[in-house]
Amino acid sequence: MADSKPAILRYSEESMAAALNAVRKGQSITSAAKEFGVPKTTLLYKASGKYPEGRKMGSDTLFTKEEKVSYPSGFLIWHQLVFL
């Protein structure tokens, strides 16, 4: 049976960084993508600057890291945004 993990998450940030470094040193996009197990098109876009190098998926977060840690204050802010 196929792996249930979505295709977009089957590579690590470290693998992508290694593939980007290889491309910068002259390796082709196709061979670096195969060697490091990353999507060829994503590697191409990151190497060309179309996509940022770090992994960023989804929309911006509503809460800061500090607000997430202190759940009550984060909840109160959320409550004010949604219900007021």
C-alpha atoms as a PDB file:
ATOM      1  CA  MET A   1       0.000   0.000   0.000  1.00  0.00           C
ATOM      2  CA  ALA A   2       1.211   3.521  -0.734  1.00  0.00           C
ATOM      3  CA  ASP A   3       2.628   5.735   1.978  1.00  0.00           C
ATOM      4  CA  SER A   4      -0.176   7.791   3.523  1.00  0.00           C
ATOM      5  CA  LYS A   5       2.061  10.837   4.067  1.00  0.00           C
ATOM      6  CA  PRO A   6       1.293  13.608   1.552  1.00  0.00           C
ATOM      7  CA  ALA A   7       3.828  13.893  -1.267  1.00  0.00           C
ATOM      8  CA  ILE A   8       4.687  17.459  -0.327  1.00  0.00           C
ATOM      9  CA  LEU A   9       6.041  16.317   3.046  1.00  0.00           C
ATOM     10  CA  ARG A  10       8.165  13.358   1.963  1.00  0.00           C
ATOM     11  CA  TYR A  11      11.446  15.227   2.154  1.00  0.00           C
ATOM     12  CA  SER A  12      13.217  17.002   4.978  1.00  0.00           C
ATOM     13  CA  GLU A  13      14.420  20.573   5.059  1.00  0.00           C
ATOM     14  CA  GLU A  14      17.947  19.175   5.393  1.00  0.00           C
ATOM     15  CA  SER A  15      17.542  17.195   2.152  1.00  0.00           C
ATOM     16  CA  MET A  16      16.320  20.285   0.327  1.00  0.00           C
ATOM     17  CA  ALA A  17      19.196  22.369   1.700  1.00  0.00           C
ATOM     18  CA  ALA A  18      21.700  19.722   0.590  1.00  0.00           C
ATOM     19  CA  ALA A  19      20.126  19.597  -2.875  1.00  0.00           C
ATOM     20  CA  LEU A  20      20.260  23.403  -3.138  1.00  0.00           C
ATOM     21  CA  ASN A  21      23.932  23.369  -2.166  1.00  0.00           C
ATOM     22  CA  ALA A  22      24.646  20.728  -4.798  1.00  0.00           C
ATOM     23  CA  VAL A  23      22.871  22.798  -7.460  1.00  0.00           C
ATOM     24  CA  ARG A  24      24.857  25.875  -6.454  1.00  0.00           C
ATOM     25  CA  LYS A  25      28.055  23.839  -6.885  1.00  0.00           C
ATOM     26  CA  GLY A  26      27.043  22.946 -10.444  1.00  0.00           C
ATOM     27  CA  GLN A  27      25.001  19.759 -10.178  1.00  0.00           C
ATOM     28  CA  SER A  28      21.911  19.669 -12.382  1.00  0.00           C
ATOM     29  CA  ILE A  29      18.456  20.185 -10.874  1.00  0.00           C
ATOM     30  CA  THR A  30      17.314  16.751 -12.068  1.00  0.00           C
ATOM     31  CA  SER A  31      20.255  14.802 -10.672  1.00  0.00           C
ATOM     32  CA  ALA A  32      20.237  16.703  -7.350  1.00  0.00           C
ATOM     33  CA  ALA A  33      16.492  16.105  -6.971  1.00  0.00           C
ATOM     34  CA  LYS A  34      16.959  12.369  -7.549  1.00  0.00           C
ATOM     35  CA  GLU A  35      20.029  12.116  -5.311  1.00  0.00           C
ATOM     36  CA  PHE A  36      18.465  13.901  -2.350  1.00  0.00           C
ATOM     37  CA  GLY A  37      14.868  12.717  -2.829  1.00  0.00           C
ATOM     38  CA  VAL A  38      13.265  16.127  -3.256  1.00  0.00           C
ATOM     39  CA  PRO A  39      10.687  17.312  -5.812  1.00  0.00           C
ATOM     40  CA  LYS A  40      12.411  18.576  -8.973  1.00  0.00           C
ATOM     41  CA  THR A  41      10.071  21.509  -9.554  1.00  0.00           C
ATOM     42  CA  THR A  42      10.273  22.677  -5.942  1.00  0.00           C
ATOM     43  CA  LEU A  43      14.068  22.485  -6.105  1.00  0.00           C
ATOM     44  CA  LEU A  44      14.035  24.454  -9.355  1.00  0.00           C
ATOM     45  CA  TYR A  45      11.804  27.156  -7.865  1.00  0.00           C
ATOM     46  CA  LYS A  46      13.874  27.428  -4.698  1.00  0.00           C
ATOM     47  CA  ALA A  47      17.139  27.548  -6.649  1.00  0.00           C
ATOM     48  CA  SER A  48      15.785  30.284  -8.927  1.00  0.00           C
ATOM     49  CA  GLY A  49      14.389  32.328  -6.024  1.00  0.00           C
ATOM     50  CA  LYS A  50      10.741  31.884  -6.980  1.00  0.00           C
ATOM     51  CA  TYR A  51      10.100  30.088  -3.652  1.00  0.00           C
ATOM     52  CA  PRO A  52      11.835  30.913  -0.357  1.00  0.00           C
ATOM     53  CA  GLU A  53      14.441  28.401   0.761  1.00  0.00           C
ATOM     54  CA  GLY A  54      12.817  27.555   4.090  1.00  0.00           C
ATOM     55  CA  ARG A  55       9.717  25.411   4.311  1.00  0.00           C
ATOM     56  CA  LYS A  56       6.634  27.558   4.735  1.00  0.00           C
ATOM     57  CA  MET A  57       3.271  25.939   4.257  1.00  0.00           C
ATOM     58  CA  GLY A  58      -0.135  27.366   4.863  1.00  0.00           C
ATOM     59  CA  SER A  59      -1.186  30.824   5.879  1.00  0.00           C
ATOM     60  CA  ASP A  60       0.449  33.016   8.478  1.00  0.00           C
ATOM     61  CA  THR A  61      -0.231  32.052  12.074  1.00  0.00           C
ATOM     62  CA  LEU A  62      -2.724  33.992  14.131  1.00  0.00           C
ATOM     63  CA  PHE A  63      -0.825  33.632  17.425  1.00  0.00           C
ATOM     64  CA  THR A  64       2.822  34.233  18.272  1.00  0.00           C
ATOM     65  CA  LYS A  65       4.866  31.434  19.850  1.00  0.00           C
ATOM     66  CA  GLU A  66       4.548  33.160  23.203  1.00  0.00           C
ATOM     67  CA  GLU A  67       0.767  33.343  22.908  1.00  0.00           C
ATOM     68  CA  LYS A  68       0.612  29.656  22.055  1.00  0.00           C
ATOM     69  CA  VAL A  69       2.603  28.807  25.184  1.00  0.00           C
ATOM     70  CA  SER A  70       0.354  30.875  27.412  1.00  0.00           C
ATOM     71  CA  TYR A  71      -2.920  29.368  26.228  1.00  0.00           C
ATOM     72  CA  PRO A  72      -5.306  31.564  28.251  1.00  0.00           C
ATOM     73  CA  SER A  73      -3.984  34.826  26.823  1.00  0.00           C
ATOM     74  CA  GLY A  74      -3.960  33.361  23.317  1.00  0.00           C
ATOM     75  CA  PHE A  75      -7.496  32.144  23.758  1.00  0.00           C
ATOM     76  CA  LEU A  76      -8.652  35.538  24.986  1.00  0.00           C
ATOM     77  CA  ILE A  77      -7.131  37.272  21.965  1.00  0.00           C
ATOM     78  CA  TRP A  78      -8.742  34.699  19.657  1.00  0.00           C
ATOM     79  CA  HIS A  79     -12.080  35.146  21.421  1.00  0.00           C
ATOM     80  CA  GLN A  80     -11.871  38.923  20.984  1.00  0.00           C
ATOM     81  CA  LEU A  81     -11.034  38.595  17.288  1.00  0.00           C
ATOM     82  CA  VAL A  82     -13.783  36.119  16.538  1.00  0.00           C
ATOM     83  CA  PHE A  83     -16.642  37.133  18.790  1.00  0.00           C
ATOM     84  CA  LEU A  84     -16.293  40.886  19.230  1.00  0.00           C
END
